[in-house]
Amino acid sequence: MDYQNGFKSSYEKEYLNAPLPIEEKDCVKIPLKEFEKNVAYDITLDIYKTFDTRICVVEHNNKLEIREPEPGETTCK
């Protein structure tokens, strides 16, 4: 989320009749091309209750990792 320019949804997809993602095989797959490296993203899963978290995709030792940014940060180190 860009706090200076307001909320912008960069990826949204509705899944009907999908199983609740308790196991990895049931998780929603978001293509990596949707994420810029080292940018903080807000992820929201809206079901019976809303779940949200913040993530960054970072490259470490030639592998992509998902990390949680510090509160208020818009990039990850």
Protein backbone atom coordinates (compact mmCIF):
# COMPACT_ATOMS: atom_id res chain seq x y z
CA MET A 1 0.00 0.00 0.00
CA ASP A 2 1.36 3.38 -0.93
CA TYR A 3 0.37 5.53 2.03
CA GLN A 4 1.17 8.76 0.17
CA ASN A 5 -0.98 7.97 -2.85
CA GLY A 6 -3.74 6.00 -1.14
CA PHE A 7 -4.91 2.42 -1.59
CA LYS A 8 -4.35 0.71 -4.92
CA SER A 9 -5.44 -2.84 -5.57
CA SER A 10 -2.85 -4.45 -7.81
CA TYR A 11 -4.22 -8.00 -7.80
CA GLU A 12 -7.70 -9.19 -7.04
CA LYS A 13 -9.40 -12.45 -7.84
CA GLU A 14 -12.62 -13.95 -6.58
CA TYR A 15 -12.71 -17.68 -5.88
CA LEU A 16 -16.16 -19.24 -5.62
CA ASN A 17 -16.73 -22.58 -3.89
CA ALA A 18 -13.01 -22.95 -3.15
CA PRO A 19 -12.00 -24.93 -0.07
CA LEU A 20 -10.88 -22.93 2.94
CA PRO A 21 -7.07 -22.71 2.67
CA ILE A 22 -6.11 -24.77 5.70
CA GLU A 23 -3.67 -26.96 3.78
CA GLU A 24 -1.08 -25.69 1.31
CA LYS A 25 -2.76 -27.48 -1.63
CA ASP A 26 -5.89 -25.35 -1.05
CA CYS A 27 -4.07 -22.00 -0.95
CA VAL A 28 -4.71 -19.33 -3.57
CA LYS A 29 -1.77 -19.08 -5.95
CA ILE A 30 -0.69 -15.53 -6.84
CA PRO A 31 1.89 -15.43 -9.65
CA LEU A 32 5.30 -14.06 -8.57
CA LYS A 33 5.19 -11.64 -11.51
CA GLU A 34 2.53 -9.71 -9.54
CA PHE A 35 5.11 -8.77 -6.89
CA GLU A 36 7.99 -6.33 -7.12
CA LYS A 37 10.98 -7.27 -5.01
CA ASN A 38 11.52 -5.39 -1.74
CA VAL A 39 8.11 -3.67 -1.82
CA ALA A 40 5.68 -4.10 1.10
CA TYR A 41 2.27 -5.50 0.14
CA ASP A 42 -0.91 -5.79 2.17
CA ILE A 43 -2.57 -9.18 1.67
CA THR A 44 -6.24 -9.58 2.62
CA LEU A 45 -8.26 -12.78 2.67
CA ASP A 46 -11.93 -11.97 3.10
CA ILE A 47 -14.00 -14.98 4.14
CA TYR A 48 -16.21 -15.31 7.20
CA LYS A 49 -13.67 -13.19 9.05
CA THR A 50 -11.14 -10.96 7.37
CA PHE A 51 -7.49 -11.98 7.60
CA ASP A 52 -4.77 -9.56 6.56
CA THR A 53 -1.01 -9.42 6.73
CA ARG A 54 1.88 -7.53 5.15
CA ILE A 55 4.60 -9.21 3.11
CA CYS A 56 7.65 -8.45 1.01
CA VAL A 57 9.22 -10.67 -1.62
CA VAL A 58 13.01 -10.42 -1.26
CA GLU A 59 15.90 -12.16 -2.97
CA HIS A 60 18.36 -13.83 -0.60
CA ASN A 61 21.15 -16.18 -1.73
CA ASN A 62 19.59 -16.39 -5.22
CA LYS A 63 16.26 -17.52 -3.77
CA LEU A 64 13.02 -15.60 -3.35
CA GLU A 65 11.76 -15.34 0.23
CA ILE A 66 8.67 -13.83 1.78
CA ARG A 67 9.32 -11.60 4.78
CA GLU A 68 7.16 -9.45 7.01
CA PRO A 69 8.09 -5.74 6.84
CA GLU A 70 8.41 -3.63 9.96
CA PRO A 71 5.28 -1.59 10.82
CA GLY A 72 5.05 1.52 8.64
CA GLU A 73 7.75 0.40 6.20
CA THR A 74 6.93 0.47 2.49
CA THR A 75 10.04 -1.48 1.46
CA CYS A 76 12.01 -4.41 2.87
CA LYS A 77 15.72 -4.62 3.39
